[in-house]
Protein backbone atom coordinates (compact mmCIF):
# COMPACT_ATOMS: atom_id res chain seq x y z
CA MET A 1 -1.55 91.18 99.23
CA SER A 2 1.84 89.55 99.69
CA SER A 3 3.59 92.89 99.26
CA VAL A 4 1.44 94.42 102.01
CA VAL A 5 2.24 91.53 104.36
CA GLU A 6 5.92 91.81 103.49
CA LYS A 7 5.81 95.55 104.11
CA LYS A 8 4.19 95.05 107.53
CA ARG A 9 6.74 92.41 108.38
CA THR A 10 9.56 94.75 107.41
CA ILE A 11 8.08 97.55 109.52
CA ALA A 12 7.72 95.17 112.48
CA LEU A 13 11.32 94.03 112.14
CA ASN A 14 12.51 97.63 111.96
CA VAL A 15 10.51 98.53 115.08
CA CYS A 16 11.92 95.53 116.96
CA ALA A 17 15.46 96.39 115.87
CA THR A 18 14.98 100.01 116.97
CA LEU A 19 13.61 98.95 120.36
CA PHE A 20 16.52 96.54 120.80
CA VAL A 21 19.04 99.27 120.04
CA LEU A 22 17.28 101.66 122.43
CA CYS A 23 17.22 99.05 125.19
CA VAL A 24 20.92 98.30 124.76
CA SER A 25 21.67 102.03 124.74
CA VAL A 26 19.66 102.65 127.91
CA GLU A 27 21.27 99.68 129.66
CA ALA A 28 24.73 100.92 128.69
CA GLN A 29 23.91 104.34 130.10
CA GLN A 30 22.73 102.95 133.44
CA PRO A 31 25.37 103.75 136.11
CA LYS A 32 26.96 100.68 137.65
CA LYS A 33 26.46 100.10 141.36
CA VAL A 34 29.32 101.67 143.32
CA THR A 35 29.88 100.14 146.75
CA ARG A 36 30.79 102.75 149.36
CA ILE A 37 32.87 101.62 152.32
CA GLY A 38 33.37 103.74 155.43
CA TRP A 39 36.87 103.46 156.97
CA LEU A 40 36.86 104.71 160.57
CA SER A 41 40.00 104.94 162.69
CA GLU A 42 41.30 106.57 165.87
CA ALA A 43 44.52 107.82 164.32
CA TYR A 44 45.35 106.03 161.06
CA VAL A 45 45.47 108.24 157.97
CA ARG A 46 45.47 106.99 154.42
CA SER A 47 48.78 108.61 153.50
CA GLN A 48 50.58 106.29 155.93
CA ALA A 49 52.16 103.21 154.35
CA SER A 50 50.51 100.15 155.84
CA PRO A 51 50.79 96.45 154.92
CA ARG A 52 47.34 95.97 156.51
CA ASN A 53 45.82 98.61 154.25
CA ASP A 54 47.50 97.04 151.22
CA ALA A 55 46.16 93.63 152.23
CA PHE A 56 42.68 95.11 152.71
CA LEU A 57 42.67 96.61 149.21
CA GLN A 58 44.09 93.40 147.72
CA GLY A 59 41.34 91.38 149.42
CA LEU A 60 38.71 93.66 147.91
CA GLN A 61 40.31 93.33 144.47
CA ASP A 62 40.27 89.55 144.81
CA LEU A 63 36.50 89.84 145.32
CA GLY A 64 36.14 91.99 142.21
CA TYR A 65 36.11 95.43 143.85
CA GLN A 66 38.38 98.11 142.41
CA GLU A 67 38.64 101.52 144.02
CA GLY A 68 37.50 104.26 141.67
CA LYS A 69 35.56 101.86 139.45
CA ASN A 70 32.93 99.92 141.39
CA MET A 71 34.05 100.76 144.92
CA LEU A 72 34.71 103.95 146.88
CA ILE A 73 36.31 104.22 150.33
CA GLU A 74 35.36 107.09 152.62
CA HIS A 75 38.31 107.52 155.01
CA ARG A 76 37.70 109.15 158.37
CA SER A 77 40.35 109.50 161.09
CA ALA A 78 39.95 111.06 164.54
CA GLY A 79 43.62 112.08 164.63
CA GLY A 80 44.12 110.46 168.01
CA LYS A 81 41.16 112.29 169.57
CA ASP A 82 38.49 109.72 170.40
CA GLU A 83 35.89 112.40 171.10
CA ARG A 84 35.73 112.99 167.34
CA LEU A 85 34.76 109.41 166.53
CA ALA A 86 31.03 109.83 167.22
CA ARG A 87 30.80 112.74 164.80
CA LEU A 88 32.80 110.92 162.13
CA ALA A 89 30.70 107.77 162.49
CA ALA A 90 27.51 109.82 162.16
CA GLU A 91 28.96 111.43 159.04
CA LEU A 92 29.55 108.02 157.44
CA VAL A 93 25.98 107.02 158.28
CA ARG A 94 24.67 110.17 156.60
CA LEU A 95 26.68 109.26 153.51
CA ASN A 96 24.71 105.99 153.50
CA VAL A 97 27.80 103.81 153.13
CA ASP A 98 27.21 100.10 152.52
CA LEU A 99 29.72 99.01 155.16
CA ILE A 100 31.83 100.50 157.96
CA VAL A 101 35.29 99.12 158.72
CA ALA A 102 36.28 100.08 162.29
CA LEU A 103 39.98 99.68 163.02
CA GLU A 104 39.98 99.98 166.83
CA PRO A 105 37.48 99.17 169.63
CA PRO A 106 36.60 102.88 170.21
CA ALA A 107 35.92 103.26 166.48
CA ALA A 108 33.76 100.12 166.50
CA ARG A 109 31.80 101.42 169.49
CA ALA A 110 31.23 104.79 167.82
CA ALA A 111 30.00 103.05 164.67
CA LYS A 112 27.73 100.78 166.71
CA ASN A 113 26.20 103.77 168.48
CA ALA A 114 25.67 105.53 165.15
CA THR A 115 23.81 102.76 163.31
CA GLU A 116 21.94 99.52 163.94
CA THR A 117 21.53 98.64 160.27
CA ILE A 118 24.77 99.30 158.38
CA PRO A 119 27.11 96.28 158.70
CA ILE A 120 30.25 96.98 160.76
CA VAL A 121 33.48 95.00 160.46
CA MET A 122 35.88 95.41 163.37
CA ARG A 123 39.57 94.60 163.28
CA SER A 124 41.05 92.19 165.82
CA THR A 125 40.28 93.10 169.42
CA ASP A 126 41.14 91.26 172.63
CA ASP A 127 37.68 90.78 174.13
CA PRO A 128 34.73 92.19 172.13
CA VAL A 129 32.25 90.74 174.64
CA ARG A 130 33.79 92.47 177.66
CA ALA A 131 34.21 95.62 175.58
CA GLY A 132 30.44 95.60 174.99
CA LEU A 133 30.68 95.28 171.21
CA VAL A 134 28.93 91.91 170.84
CA ALA A 135 26.65 89.76 172.97
CA SER A 136 28.86 86.67 172.72
CA LEU A 137 31.46 85.10 170.43
CA ALA A 138 29.09 82.27 169.47
CA LYS A 139 26.12 84.56 168.77
CA PRO A 140 27.37 88.14 168.45
CA GLY A 141 24.00 89.46 167.25
CA GLY A 142 23.49 93.01 166.03
CA ASN A 143 25.29 94.39 162.98
CA ILE A 144 28.94 93.87 164.04
CA THR A 145 31.25 91.14 162.84
CA GLY A 146 35.02 90.69 162.71
CA VAL A 147 37.78 88.76 164.44
CA THR A 148 39.18 88.53 167.96
CA SER A 149 42.67 87.59 169.06
CA VAL A 150 41.37 86.25 172.44
CA ALA A 151 44.75 87.38 173.78
CA THR A 152 43.49 87.86 177.34
CA GLU A 153 42.50 84.18 177.58
CA LEU A 154 46.10 83.20 176.80
CA ILE A 155 47.71 85.37 179.49
CA GLY A 156 47.27 82.78 182.24
CA LYS A 157 48.87 80.00 180.17
CA ARG A 158 51.79 82.23 179.24
CA LEU A 159 52.44 83.07 182.90
CA GLU A 160 52.23 79.39 183.87
CA LEU A 161 54.87 78.54 181.26
CA PHE A 162 57.03 81.47 182.35
CA LYS A 163 56.97 80.41 186.00
CA GLU A 164 57.73 76.83 185.04
CA ILE A 165 60.79 78.00 183.11
CA ALA A 166 61.94 80.41 185.84
CA ARG A 167 61.59 77.77 188.62
CA ARG A 168 61.73 80.43 191.31
CA ASN A 169 59.68 83.15 192.89
CA VAL A 170 58.90 85.74 190.27
CA ARG A 171 58.26 89.47 190.53
CA LEU A 172 56.36 90.37 187.39
CA GLY A 173 56.57 93.87 185.89
CA ILE A 174 53.66 94.68 183.56
CA LEU A 175 54.09 97.46 181.00
CA TRP A 176 50.72 98.86 179.99
CA ASN A 177 49.05 102.06 178.79
CA PRO A 178 45.94 102.98 180.82
CA GLU A 179 44.80 105.29 178.01
CA PHE A 180 44.65 102.48 175.45
CA GLU A 181 41.30 100.68 175.44
CA GLY A 182 41.76 96.98 175.98
CA SER A 183 45.00 97.47 177.89
CA GLU A 184 43.19 97.69 181.23
CA ILE A 185 41.38 94.41 180.54
CA ALA A 186 44.67 92.68 179.75
CA PHE A 187 46.38 94.19 182.82
CA ASP A 188 43.60 93.08 185.18
CA GLU A 189 43.73 89.57 183.75
CA ALA A 190 47.52 89.38 184.02
CA GLN A 191 47.49 90.73 187.57
CA SER A 192 44.82 88.24 188.66
CA LYS A 193 46.53 85.23 187.06
CA ALA A 194 49.97 86.24 188.35
CA ARG A 195 48.81 86.55 191.94
CA GLY A 196 47.02 83.22 191.60
CA LEU A 197 50.40 81.70 190.71
CA GLY A 198 52.08 83.33 193.71
CA MET A 199 53.84 86.04 191.70
CA GLN A 200 54.37 89.57 192.91
CA VAL A 201 53.08 92.17 190.45
CA GLN A 202 54.50 95.59 189.65
CA SER A 203 52.41 97.97 187.52
CA LEU A 204 54.49 99.94 185.02
CA GLU A 205 52.29 102.53 183.35
CA VAL A 206 53.53 103.86 180.01
CA ARG A 207 51.50 106.61 178.37
CA SER A 208 54.16 107.75 175.90
CA PRO A 209 57.59 106.61 174.64
CA GLY A 210 59.16 109.03 177.10
CA ASP A 211 57.83 106.93 179.99
CA LEU A 212 59.68 103.76 178.94
CA GLU A 213 63.10 104.57 180.42
CA LYS A 214 61.58 105.54 183.77
CA SER A 215 59.50 102.34 183.84
CA PHE A 216 62.49 100.12 183.10
CA ARG A 217 64.53 101.81 185.82
CA SER A 218 61.66 101.27 188.25
CA ALA A 219 61.35 97.61 187.26
CA HIS A 220 65.08 97.04 187.61
CA GLY A 221 65.18 98.78 190.97
CA ALA A 222 62.33 96.63 192.29
CA GLY A 223 63.92 93.41 191.02
CA ALA A 224 61.29 92.57 188.40
C-alpha cells in the first residue's frame, strides 16, 4: 500500500514540476510590452543633432525606457509643410501609438484634431489657451499636456523696464515672422503694450534670413 501511495506522490510531483517548467517557459516566451511613442514635428528630422532630442531620450532612459528594447519611437516630420501634419498625425493614430509628442503648436493642433484619446505632450508654447490647444492653464482638459513659457505675459514688463532704462521717448522696432504660429500673438501683445507706454512701434517682418538686412536698414532709417 505504501509503495502505491509513494508512486502516486512521485507522479504528482512530476506533474507539478512539468507544469511549473511549462508555465515558466510560456512566461519567458511572452513578448514584453513595447511602448510606442509618436514624434510629430513641422520640420525636425531625426538625423539632426539636437540637445533637446538627447535630453528627451535620456529622460526616457531614466524612467526605464530604452529604444529598441521596450520602447519604439515613430518619427514623423512635415518637412516644413504644415499641410502634411494632419496626414502624419492620422498615420500615428492608425499605428495606435501610446503617446504623441508634438514639437510645435501646429503639430499639437494636428494631433489634437486626429485623436481625443491618445495622450499628447506638447513642447513649450507661448499661449496654449489663445492657440486653442487647451481650455485653460489651471484645467486644460482633454488629452493634451505639456509646458508653456508664458512669454507673451512677460512682454509688457520687459518693455516697462526698457523704457525706464532708456529714459526717453522710444521708437520700438519689432522683428517678427508672420508665418510662424505664435509670432502674431507676441507681436500684437508687444504692439499693444508699447503703445500703452507711449512708444512708437515699427513692424519689421522677417520671413527668411534674407529679410534681416533689409529690416535692419529700415529700422535704422526710421530711428528705431
